N, C-alpha and C. Protein backbone atom coordinates (compact mmCIF):
# COMPACT_ATOMS: atom_id res chain seq x y z
N MET A 1 24.75 40.45 -36.39
CA MET A 1 26.13 40.86 -36.21
C MET A 1 26.98 40.21 -37.30
N ALA A 2 27.78 41.03 -37.95
CA ALA A 2 28.60 40.52 -39.05
C ALA A 2 29.76 39.70 -38.50
N GLU A 3 30.07 38.64 -39.22
CA GLU A 3 31.19 37.79 -38.81
C GLU A 3 32.50 38.49 -39.15
N PRO A 4 33.49 38.46 -38.25
CA PRO A 4 34.74 39.17 -38.53
C PRO A 4 35.47 38.54 -39.70
N ARG A 5 36.16 39.40 -40.42
CA ARG A 5 36.96 38.88 -41.53
C ARG A 5 38.11 38.06 -40.98
N ARG A 6 38.59 37.12 -41.79
CA ARG A 6 39.63 36.19 -41.35
C ARG A 6 40.88 36.93 -40.86
N ASN A 7 41.33 37.97 -41.58
CA ASN A 7 42.56 38.65 -41.18
C ASN A 7 42.38 39.42 -39.87
N GLU A 8 41.17 39.83 -39.52
CA GLU A 8 40.95 40.51 -38.25
C GLU A 8 41.14 39.54 -37.08
N VAL A 9 40.75 38.31 -37.26
CA VAL A 9 40.90 37.32 -36.21
C VAL A 9 42.37 36.92 -36.08
N ILE A 10 43.04 36.71 -37.18
CA ILE A 10 44.44 36.28 -37.15
C ILE A 10 45.34 37.37 -36.58
N LEU A 11 45.08 38.61 -36.91
CA LEU A 11 45.97 39.70 -36.49
C LEU A 11 45.50 40.41 -35.23
N ASN A 12 44.79 39.71 -34.36
CA ASN A 12 44.38 40.35 -33.11
C ASN A 12 45.60 40.50 -32.20
N LEU A 13 45.44 41.22 -31.10
CA LEU A 13 46.57 41.52 -30.20
C LEU A 13 47.23 40.26 -29.63
N PRO A 14 46.47 39.30 -29.09
CA PRO A 14 47.14 38.10 -28.55
C PRO A 14 47.95 37.34 -29.60
N ASN A 15 47.40 37.16 -30.79
CA ASN A 15 48.14 36.44 -31.83
C ASN A 15 49.35 37.23 -32.29
N SER A 16 49.24 38.55 -32.33
CA SER A 16 50.39 39.38 -32.70
C SER A 16 51.51 39.23 -31.69
N LEU A 17 51.18 39.15 -30.40
CA LEU A 17 52.20 38.93 -29.38
C LEU A 17 52.86 37.56 -29.54
N THR A 18 52.07 36.57 -29.91
CA THR A 18 52.64 35.23 -30.14
C THR A 18 53.58 35.25 -31.34
N PHE A 19 53.18 35.93 -32.43
CA PHE A 19 54.06 36.05 -33.59
C PHE A 19 55.34 36.79 -33.22
N LEU A 20 55.22 37.81 -32.38
CA LEU A 20 56.39 38.56 -31.93
C LEU A 20 57.35 37.65 -31.16
N ARG A 21 56.79 36.76 -30.34
CA ARG A 21 57.62 35.79 -29.61
C ARG A 21 58.39 34.90 -30.58
N LEU A 22 57.73 34.44 -31.61
CA LEU A 22 58.41 33.61 -32.61
C LEU A 22 59.49 34.40 -33.35
N LEU A 23 59.18 35.64 -33.69
CA LEU A 23 60.15 36.47 -34.41
C LEU A 23 61.37 36.80 -33.57
N SER A 24 61.23 36.77 -32.26
CA SER A 24 62.36 37.10 -31.38
C SER A 24 63.41 36.00 -31.32
N VAL A 25 63.04 34.77 -31.67
CA VAL A 25 63.95 33.63 -31.51
C VAL A 25 65.29 33.84 -32.21
N PRO A 26 65.33 34.20 -33.50
CA PRO A 26 66.65 34.37 -34.13
C PRO A 26 67.47 35.49 -33.49
N PHE A 27 66.81 36.54 -33.01
CA PHE A 27 67.55 37.64 -32.38
C PHE A 27 68.19 37.19 -31.07
N VAL A 28 67.47 36.37 -30.30
CA VAL A 28 68.03 35.83 -29.06
C VAL A 28 69.27 35.00 -29.37
N VAL A 29 69.16 34.14 -30.37
CA VAL A 29 70.27 33.25 -30.71
C VAL A 29 71.47 34.04 -31.23
N VAL A 30 71.23 35.01 -32.10
CA VAL A 30 72.33 35.81 -32.64
C VAL A 30 73.05 36.54 -31.50
N CYS A 31 72.30 37.10 -30.57
CA CYS A 31 72.92 37.80 -29.44
C CYS A 31 73.76 36.85 -28.58
N LEU A 32 73.30 35.62 -28.41
CA LEU A 32 74.07 34.65 -27.63
C LEU A 32 75.46 34.42 -28.22
N TYR A 33 75.57 34.49 -29.53
CA TYR A 33 76.85 34.21 -30.18
C TYR A 33 77.78 35.41 -30.25
N PHE A 34 77.30 36.59 -29.85
CA PHE A 34 78.22 37.72 -29.72
C PHE A 34 79.14 37.45 -28.54
N PRO A 35 80.44 37.63 -28.71
CA PRO A 35 81.34 37.36 -27.59
C PRO A 35 81.19 38.40 -26.48
N GLY A 36 81.37 37.94 -25.26
CA GLY A 36 81.38 38.86 -24.13
C GLY A 36 80.02 39.04 -23.47
N ARG A 37 80.04 39.91 -22.48
CA ARG A 37 78.89 40.10 -21.61
C ARG A 37 77.70 40.76 -22.30
N TRP A 38 77.96 41.73 -23.17
CA TRP A 38 76.84 42.49 -23.73
C TRP A 38 75.92 41.64 -24.58
N GLY A 39 76.50 40.74 -25.38
CA GLY A 39 75.66 39.85 -26.18
C GLY A 39 74.82 38.95 -25.32
N SER A 40 75.43 38.41 -24.26
CA SER A 40 74.69 37.53 -23.35
C SER A 40 73.61 38.30 -22.60
N PHE A 41 73.95 39.53 -22.17
CA PHE A 41 72.96 40.34 -21.46
C PHE A 41 71.78 40.65 -22.38
N LEU A 42 72.07 41.04 -23.62
CA LEU A 42 71.00 41.36 -24.57
C LEU A 42 70.17 40.12 -24.89
N ALA A 43 70.81 38.97 -25.04
CA ALA A 43 70.07 37.72 -25.30
C ALA A 43 69.13 37.41 -24.15
N ALA A 44 69.62 37.54 -22.91
CA ALA A 44 68.78 37.27 -21.74
C ALA A 44 67.62 38.26 -21.67
N PHE A 45 67.89 39.53 -21.97
CA PHE A 45 66.84 40.55 -21.95
C PHE A 45 65.77 40.23 -23.01
N LEU A 46 66.20 39.94 -24.23
CA LEU A 46 65.25 39.63 -25.31
C LEU A 46 64.46 38.36 -25.00
N PHE A 47 65.14 37.35 -24.46
CA PHE A 47 64.44 36.11 -24.09
C PHE A 47 63.39 36.41 -23.03
N GLY A 48 63.76 37.15 -22.00
CA GLY A 48 62.81 37.49 -20.95
C GLY A 48 61.63 38.29 -21.47
N ALA A 49 61.91 39.26 -22.33
CA ALA A 49 60.83 40.07 -22.91
C ALA A 49 59.92 39.20 -23.77
N ALA A 50 60.52 38.31 -24.57
CA ALA A 50 59.72 37.43 -25.43
C ALA A 50 58.87 36.49 -24.59
N PHE A 51 59.45 35.96 -23.52
CA PHE A 51 58.69 35.03 -22.70
C PHE A 51 57.55 35.72 -21.97
N THR A 52 57.74 36.99 -21.65
CA THR A 52 56.69 37.76 -20.99
C THR A 52 55.45 37.86 -21.87
N THR A 53 55.65 37.87 -23.19
CA THR A 53 54.49 37.94 -24.09
C THR A 53 53.60 36.70 -23.96
N ASP A 54 54.15 35.59 -23.43
CA ASP A 54 53.33 34.41 -23.22
C ASP A 54 52.22 34.69 -22.22
N PHE A 55 52.54 35.41 -21.17
CA PHE A 55 51.53 35.75 -20.17
C PHE A 55 50.59 36.84 -20.69
N LEU A 56 51.16 37.78 -21.44
CA LEU A 56 50.34 38.88 -21.95
C LEU A 56 49.33 38.42 -23.00
N ASP A 57 49.75 37.51 -23.90
CA ASP A 57 48.80 37.10 -24.95
C ASP A 57 47.61 36.36 -24.35
N GLY A 58 47.85 35.54 -23.33
CA GLY A 58 46.74 34.85 -22.66
C GLY A 58 45.83 35.81 -21.93
N PHE A 59 46.43 36.79 -21.27
CA PHE A 59 45.65 37.79 -20.54
C PHE A 59 44.75 38.57 -21.50
N PHE A 60 45.33 39.06 -22.60
CA PHE A 60 44.55 39.85 -23.56
C PHE A 60 43.51 39.00 -24.29
N ALA A 61 43.85 37.73 -24.56
CA ALA A 61 42.89 36.86 -25.24
C ALA A 61 41.64 36.68 -24.38
N ARG A 62 41.84 36.50 -23.07
CA ARG A 62 40.69 36.35 -22.17
C ARG A 62 39.97 37.68 -21.95
N LYS A 63 40.73 38.74 -21.75
CA LYS A 63 40.13 40.04 -21.45
C LYS A 63 39.26 40.54 -22.59
N TYR A 64 39.74 40.39 -23.82
CA TYR A 64 39.01 40.90 -24.98
C TYR A 64 38.25 39.81 -25.73
N GLN A 65 38.14 38.63 -25.11
CA GLN A 65 37.46 37.50 -25.73
C GLN A 65 37.96 37.29 -27.16
N ALA A 66 39.28 37.27 -27.27
CA ALA A 66 39.93 37.16 -28.58
C ALA A 66 40.64 35.83 -28.74
N VAL A 67 40.09 34.78 -28.14
CA VAL A 67 40.68 33.45 -28.26
C VAL A 67 40.36 32.91 -29.65
N THR A 68 41.40 32.48 -30.37
CA THR A 68 41.21 31.93 -31.71
C THR A 68 41.81 30.53 -31.77
N ILE A 69 41.40 29.79 -32.76
CA ILE A 69 41.96 28.45 -32.97
C ILE A 69 43.46 28.57 -33.26
N LEU A 70 43.82 29.55 -34.10
CA LEU A 70 45.24 29.76 -34.40
C LEU A 70 46.02 30.05 -33.13
N GLY A 71 45.48 30.89 -32.26
CA GLY A 71 46.15 31.23 -31.01
C GLY A 71 46.32 30.03 -30.10
N LYS A 72 45.28 29.19 -30.02
CA LYS A 72 45.38 27.99 -29.18
C LYS A 72 46.47 27.05 -29.69
N LEU A 73 46.64 27.00 -31.00
CA LEU A 73 47.66 26.13 -31.58
C LEU A 73 49.04 26.76 -31.48
N LEU A 74 49.13 28.04 -31.85
CA LEU A 74 50.42 28.70 -31.98
C LEU A 74 51.07 29.06 -30.65
N ASP A 75 50.29 29.40 -29.64
CA ASP A 75 50.85 29.85 -28.37
C ASP A 75 51.78 28.82 -27.73
N PRO A 76 51.34 27.57 -27.51
CA PRO A 76 52.27 26.61 -26.90
C PRO A 76 53.44 26.25 -27.81
N VAL A 77 53.21 26.28 -29.13
CA VAL A 77 54.29 25.98 -30.07
C VAL A 77 55.36 27.06 -29.99
N ALA A 78 54.93 28.33 -29.92
CA ALA A 78 55.88 29.44 -29.82
C ALA A 78 56.73 29.33 -28.56
N ASP A 79 56.11 28.95 -27.44
CA ASP A 79 56.85 28.77 -26.19
C ASP A 79 57.92 27.70 -26.34
N LYS A 80 57.52 26.57 -26.90
CA LYS A 80 58.45 25.45 -27.03
C LYS A 80 59.59 25.79 -27.98
N ILE A 81 59.29 26.49 -29.07
CA ILE A 81 60.34 26.89 -30.02
C ILE A 81 61.31 27.85 -29.35
N LEU A 82 60.80 28.86 -28.65
CA LEU A 82 61.66 29.84 -27.98
C LEU A 82 62.59 29.16 -26.98
N VAL A 83 62.05 28.32 -26.12
CA VAL A 83 62.85 27.66 -25.09
C VAL A 83 63.81 26.65 -25.73
N SER A 84 63.31 25.81 -26.63
CA SER A 84 64.13 24.74 -27.20
C SER A 84 65.28 25.28 -28.04
N VAL A 85 65.01 26.24 -28.90
CA VAL A 85 66.07 26.78 -29.76
C VAL A 85 67.12 27.51 -28.91
N THR A 86 66.68 28.26 -27.92
CA THR A 86 67.64 28.95 -27.05
C THR A 86 68.49 27.93 -26.29
N LEU A 87 67.87 26.87 -25.79
CA LEU A 87 68.64 25.84 -25.08
C LEU A 87 69.64 25.13 -26.00
N ILE A 88 69.24 24.87 -27.24
CA ILE A 88 70.17 24.22 -28.18
C ILE A 88 71.37 25.13 -28.43
N ALA A 89 71.13 26.45 -28.54
CA ALA A 89 72.24 27.39 -28.69
C ALA A 89 73.13 27.38 -27.45
N LEU A 90 72.51 27.31 -26.27
CA LEU A 90 73.29 27.26 -25.03
C LEU A 90 74.12 25.99 -24.93
N VAL A 91 73.59 24.87 -25.45
CA VAL A 91 74.37 23.63 -25.49
C VAL A 91 75.60 23.82 -26.37
N SER A 92 75.41 24.42 -27.54
CA SER A 92 76.54 24.61 -28.46
C SER A 92 77.60 25.54 -27.87
N LEU A 93 77.19 26.41 -26.95
CA LEU A 93 78.14 27.31 -26.28
C LEU A 93 78.74 26.69 -25.02
N GLY A 94 78.32 25.45 -24.69
CA GLY A 94 78.85 24.76 -23.52
C GLY A 94 78.30 25.27 -22.20
N ARG A 95 77.14 25.91 -22.23
CA ARG A 95 76.59 26.49 -21.00
C ARG A 95 75.61 25.57 -20.28
N VAL A 96 75.17 24.51 -20.94
CA VAL A 96 74.25 23.56 -20.32
C VAL A 96 74.51 22.18 -20.93
N PRO A 97 74.46 21.11 -20.12
CA PRO A 97 74.72 19.77 -20.66
C PRO A 97 73.66 19.35 -21.68
N ALA A 98 74.12 18.75 -22.76
CA ALA A 98 73.22 18.34 -23.84
C ALA A 98 72.18 17.33 -23.36
N TRP A 99 72.57 16.40 -22.48
CA TRP A 99 71.62 15.36 -22.06
C TRP A 99 70.43 15.95 -21.32
N MET A 100 70.65 17.04 -20.58
CA MET A 100 69.55 17.68 -19.86
C MET A 100 68.56 18.31 -20.85
N VAL A 101 69.12 18.95 -21.86
CA VAL A 101 68.28 19.59 -22.88
C VAL A 101 67.51 18.53 -23.68
N MET A 102 68.17 17.41 -23.98
CA MET A 102 67.49 16.33 -24.71
C MET A 102 66.30 15.80 -23.92
N LEU A 103 66.47 15.60 -22.62
CA LEU A 103 65.35 15.13 -21.79
C LEU A 103 64.20 16.13 -21.80
N LEU A 104 64.54 17.40 -21.66
CA LEU A 104 63.51 18.43 -21.64
C LEU A 104 62.75 18.48 -22.96
N ILE A 105 63.46 18.48 -24.07
CA ILE A 105 62.81 18.56 -25.38
C ILE A 105 62.00 17.29 -25.66
N ALA A 106 62.53 16.13 -25.28
CA ALA A 106 61.79 14.88 -25.48
C ALA A 106 60.48 14.89 -24.73
N ARG A 107 60.49 15.39 -23.50
CA ARG A 107 59.26 15.47 -22.71
C ARG A 107 58.26 16.39 -23.39
N GLU A 108 58.73 17.54 -23.88
CA GLU A 108 57.82 18.50 -24.52
C GLU A 108 57.17 17.89 -25.77
N ILE A 109 57.96 17.18 -26.56
CA ILE A 109 57.41 16.55 -27.77
C ILE A 109 56.41 15.47 -27.40
N ALA A 110 56.74 14.65 -26.40
CA ALA A 110 55.86 13.56 -26.00
C ALA A 110 54.53 14.08 -25.48
N VAL A 111 54.56 15.10 -24.63
CA VAL A 111 53.32 15.65 -24.07
C VAL A 111 52.51 16.33 -25.17
N THR A 112 53.17 17.02 -26.09
CA THR A 112 52.45 17.64 -27.21
C THR A 112 51.75 16.57 -28.04
N GLY A 113 52.42 15.44 -28.25
CA GLY A 113 51.80 14.34 -28.99
C GLY A 113 50.57 13.79 -28.28
N LEU A 114 50.66 13.61 -26.97
CA LEU A 114 49.52 13.12 -26.20
C LEU A 114 48.36 14.12 -26.22
N ARG A 115 48.70 15.40 -26.15
CA ARG A 115 47.64 16.42 -26.23
C ARG A 115 46.93 16.34 -27.57
N GLY A 116 47.69 16.09 -28.63
CA GLY A 116 47.10 15.95 -29.96
C GLY A 116 46.16 14.76 -30.04
N ILE A 117 46.58 13.64 -29.45
CA ILE A 117 45.73 12.44 -29.44
C ILE A 117 44.45 12.72 -28.66
N ALA A 118 44.59 13.33 -27.48
CA ALA A 118 43.42 13.65 -26.67
C ALA A 118 42.48 14.59 -27.41
N ALA A 119 43.05 15.59 -28.08
CA ALA A 119 42.22 16.56 -28.82
C ALA A 119 41.45 15.88 -29.95
N MET A 120 42.09 14.92 -30.62
CA MET A 120 41.39 14.21 -31.70
C MET A 120 40.22 13.41 -31.16
N GLU A 121 40.30 13.01 -29.90
CA GLU A 121 39.21 12.27 -29.25
C GLU A 121 38.21 13.21 -28.58
N GLY A 122 38.43 14.51 -28.73
CA GLY A 122 37.53 15.49 -28.14
C GLY A 122 37.73 15.67 -26.64
N LEU A 123 38.89 15.29 -26.14
CA LEU A 123 39.17 15.39 -24.71
C LEU A 123 40.21 16.47 -24.45
N VAL A 124 40.08 17.13 -23.34
CA VAL A 124 41.06 18.13 -22.91
C VAL A 124 41.58 17.71 -21.55
N ILE A 125 42.89 17.57 -21.44
CA ILE A 125 43.51 17.29 -20.15
C ILE A 125 44.13 18.60 -19.70
N GLN A 126 43.55 19.19 -18.68
CA GLN A 126 43.96 20.52 -18.22
C GLN A 126 45.41 20.52 -17.74
N ALA A 127 46.07 21.65 -17.95
CA ALA A 127 47.42 21.83 -17.44
C ALA A 127 47.36 21.84 -15.91
N SER A 128 48.35 21.24 -15.30
CA SER A 128 48.39 21.18 -13.84
C SER A 128 49.27 22.31 -13.30
N ALA A 129 49.24 22.46 -11.98
CA ALA A 129 50.12 23.44 -11.33
C ALA A 129 51.58 23.08 -11.58
N LEU A 130 51.89 21.78 -11.64
CA LEU A 130 53.27 21.35 -11.93
C LEU A 130 53.73 21.88 -13.27
N GLY A 131 52.84 21.83 -14.25
CA GLY A 131 53.18 22.33 -15.58
C GLY A 131 53.47 23.83 -15.57
N LYS A 132 52.73 24.55 -14.74
CA LYS A 132 52.97 26.00 -14.64
C LYS A 132 54.30 26.28 -13.95
N TYR A 133 54.61 25.52 -12.89
CA TYR A 133 55.91 25.68 -12.24
C TYR A 133 57.04 25.34 -13.21
N LYS A 134 56.83 24.29 -13.98
CA LYS A 134 57.82 23.88 -14.98
C LYS A 134 58.11 25.02 -15.94
N THR A 135 57.06 25.65 -16.43
CA THR A 135 57.22 26.74 -17.39
C THR A 135 57.99 27.90 -16.80
N VAL A 136 57.64 28.29 -15.57
CA VAL A 136 58.32 29.42 -14.92
C VAL A 136 59.79 29.10 -14.67
N PHE A 137 60.07 27.91 -14.12
CA PHE A 137 61.47 27.56 -13.84
C PHE A 137 62.28 27.44 -15.12
N GLN A 138 61.68 26.88 -16.19
CA GLN A 138 62.40 26.81 -17.46
C GLN A 138 62.76 28.20 -17.95
N ALA A 139 61.80 29.11 -17.93
CA ALA A 139 62.03 30.46 -18.45
C ALA A 139 63.11 31.18 -17.65
N VAL A 140 63.01 31.10 -16.33
CA VAL A 140 64.00 31.79 -15.49
C VAL A 140 65.38 31.15 -15.68
N ALA A 141 65.44 29.83 -15.71
CA ALA A 141 66.72 29.14 -15.87
C ALA A 141 67.37 29.50 -17.20
N VAL A 142 66.60 29.52 -18.28
CA VAL A 142 67.16 29.83 -19.60
C VAL A 142 67.64 31.28 -19.64
N ALA A 143 66.88 32.20 -19.05
CA ALA A 143 67.31 33.60 -19.02
C ALA A 143 68.61 33.75 -18.24
N VAL A 144 68.71 33.09 -17.09
CA VAL A 144 69.91 33.20 -16.25
C VAL A 144 71.09 32.52 -16.93
N LEU A 145 70.87 31.37 -17.57
CA LEU A 145 71.94 30.71 -18.32
C LEU A 145 72.40 31.57 -19.50
N SER A 146 71.48 32.32 -20.07
CA SER A 146 71.86 33.23 -21.15
C SER A 146 72.77 34.34 -20.64
N LEU A 147 72.51 34.84 -19.44
CA LEU A 147 73.39 35.86 -18.84
C LEU A 147 74.81 35.32 -18.68
N HIS A 148 74.94 34.12 -18.14
CA HIS A 148 76.17 33.33 -18.08
C HIS A 148 77.30 33.92 -17.24
N TYR A 149 77.60 35.16 -17.42
CA TYR A 149 78.77 35.76 -16.78
C TYR A 149 78.48 36.18 -15.34
N GLU A 150 79.50 36.68 -14.67
CA GLU A 150 79.33 37.18 -13.32
C GLU A 150 78.93 38.65 -13.38
N TYR A 151 77.84 38.98 -12.72
CA TYR A 151 77.38 40.35 -12.59
C TYR A 151 77.11 40.58 -11.11
N PHE A 152 77.52 41.75 -10.61
CA PHE A 152 77.29 42.10 -9.21
C PHE A 152 77.77 41.00 -8.26
N GLU A 153 78.90 40.40 -8.62
CA GLU A 153 79.53 39.33 -7.84
C GLU A 153 78.65 38.08 -7.71
N ILE A 154 77.75 37.89 -8.66
CA ILE A 154 76.91 36.69 -8.70
C ILE A 154 77.30 35.90 -9.94
N ASP A 155 77.64 34.63 -9.76
CA ASP A 155 77.99 33.76 -10.88
C ASP A 155 76.69 33.23 -11.51
N PHE A 156 76.25 33.90 -12.56
CA PHE A 156 74.97 33.56 -13.16
C PHE A 156 74.98 32.19 -13.84
N HIS A 157 76.15 31.73 -14.25
CA HIS A 157 76.21 30.39 -14.85
C HIS A 157 75.85 29.33 -13.81
N THR A 158 76.45 29.42 -12.63
CA THR A 158 76.17 28.45 -11.56
C THR A 158 74.72 28.55 -11.11
N VAL A 159 74.23 29.77 -10.95
CA VAL A 159 72.83 29.96 -10.55
C VAL A 159 71.90 29.40 -11.62
N GLY A 160 72.22 29.66 -12.89
CA GLY A 160 71.40 29.16 -13.99
C GLY A 160 71.35 27.65 -14.05
N LEU A 161 72.50 27.00 -13.85
CA LEU A 161 72.51 25.53 -13.84
C LEU A 161 71.69 24.97 -12.69
N SER A 162 71.79 25.60 -11.53
CA SER A 162 70.99 25.15 -10.38
C SER A 162 69.50 25.27 -10.68
N LEU A 163 69.11 26.41 -11.26
CA LEU A 163 67.71 26.60 -11.63
C LEU A 163 67.27 25.62 -12.72
N PHE A 164 68.21 25.30 -13.63
CA PHE A 164 67.86 24.37 -14.70
C PHE A 164 67.64 22.96 -14.15
N TRP A 165 68.39 22.57 -13.12
CA TRP A 165 68.15 21.28 -12.46
C TRP A 165 66.73 21.25 -11.89
N ILE A 166 66.34 22.33 -11.24
CA ILE A 166 64.98 22.40 -10.69
C ILE A 166 63.95 22.36 -11.81
N ALA A 167 64.22 23.10 -12.89
CA ALA A 167 63.31 23.10 -14.04
C ALA A 167 63.19 21.70 -14.64
N LEU A 168 64.31 20.98 -14.72
CA LEU A 168 64.28 19.63 -15.28
C LEU A 168 63.47 18.68 -14.40
N ILE A 169 63.62 18.82 -13.09
CA ILE A 169 62.82 17.99 -12.17
C ILE A 169 61.33 18.26 -12.37
N PHE A 170 60.94 19.54 -12.42
CA PHE A 170 59.54 19.87 -12.66
C PHE A 170 59.09 19.41 -14.04
N THR A 171 59.96 19.49 -15.03
CA THR A 171 59.63 19.08 -16.39
C THR A 171 59.31 17.59 -16.42
N LEU A 172 60.18 16.77 -15.83
CA LEU A 172 59.96 15.32 -15.84
C LEU A 172 58.79 14.93 -14.94
N TRP A 173 58.66 15.57 -13.81
CA TRP A 173 57.57 15.28 -12.88
C TRP A 173 56.23 15.63 -13.51
N SER A 174 56.13 16.79 -14.11
CA SER A 174 54.87 17.19 -14.74
C SER A 174 54.58 16.31 -15.96
N GLY A 175 55.63 15.89 -16.67
CA GLY A 175 55.44 14.98 -17.80
C GLY A 175 54.90 13.64 -17.34
N TRP A 176 55.47 13.10 -16.26
CA TRP A 176 54.97 11.83 -15.71
C TRP A 176 53.53 12.00 -15.26
N ASN A 177 53.22 13.11 -14.61
CA ASN A 177 51.86 13.38 -14.14
C ASN A 177 50.89 13.48 -15.33
N TYR A 178 51.33 14.10 -16.40
CA TYR A 178 50.49 14.23 -17.59
C TYR A 178 50.21 12.84 -18.20
N PHE A 179 51.26 12.03 -18.33
CA PHE A 179 51.07 10.67 -18.86
C PHE A 179 50.13 9.86 -17.98
N ARG A 180 50.24 10.00 -16.68
CA ARG A 180 49.38 9.28 -15.75
C ARG A 180 47.92 9.70 -15.94
N ARG A 181 47.68 11.01 -16.07
CA ARG A 181 46.32 11.49 -16.27
C ARG A 181 45.79 11.09 -17.64
N PHE A 182 46.67 11.10 -18.65
CA PHE A 182 46.28 10.67 -19.98
C PHE A 182 45.84 9.20 -19.95
N ARG A 183 46.61 8.37 -19.27
CA ARG A 183 46.28 6.95 -19.17
C ARG A 183 44.95 6.74 -18.44
N ALA A 184 44.73 7.53 -17.38
CA ALA A 184 43.47 7.41 -16.63
C ALA A 184 42.27 7.79 -17.50
N VAL A 185 42.43 8.85 -18.29
CA VAL A 185 41.33 9.30 -19.15
C VAL A 185 41.03 8.27 -20.24
N PHE A 186 42.07 7.61 -20.74
CA PHE A 186 41.89 6.66 -21.82
C PHE A 186 41.75 5.21 -21.35
N SER A 187 41.66 5.00 -20.03
CA SER A 187 41.47 3.64 -19.54
C SER A 187 40.06 3.16 -19.90
N PRO A 188 39.87 1.85 -20.14
CA PRO A 188 38.55 1.33 -20.57
C PRO A 188 37.42 1.66 -19.61
N GLY A 189 37.66 1.67 -18.31
CA GLY A 189 36.61 1.96 -17.36
C GLY A 189 36.20 3.42 -17.33
N HIS A 190 37.07 4.32 -17.79
CA HIS A 190 36.80 5.74 -17.71
C HIS A 190 35.98 6.23 -18.90
N ARG A 191 36.22 5.66 -20.07
CA ARG A 191 35.55 6.11 -21.29
C ARG A 191 34.09 5.66 -21.28
N THR A 192 33.19 6.52 -21.74
CA THR A 192 31.77 6.15 -21.81
C THR A 192 31.36 5.94 -23.24
């Protein structure tokens, strides 16, 4: 069986969806800065559509056995860039407190660093259910905060902030859990 050419592996469907997620980031941010409801609505729609590709790329990678090293690296990075850049834009618009966003981004950087250390040692610390809840609550909170305005007599700003508090709790809790598991894996008694 012939080995696939490099560009065939890089441009497979899952990786293309991940690239699409990255390409959506500037469009989400530009829409956020349009004044009024339509810009916010379009930003929330684009963010939601982009975040949906996170689930689709994993599904297609497993279904078609198209998991690549590039995909393993790029997928979590694309998620973090999409969420972090959108949140930074929301901070500049006064829709979310800066300190909350700083805590969230600091946790993401710290856990990514620990994952890198573990990977260099040939260890994988599996994502927990807390991490999955964190991801879902972050995505929903950011989309709702992007909507910002009142629609159908629902104050989406207040709902978004409430969801963001929940997302922040899951973010810090899952981060603490990850550090605890990292420490257990790297404790002297655990290593062989």
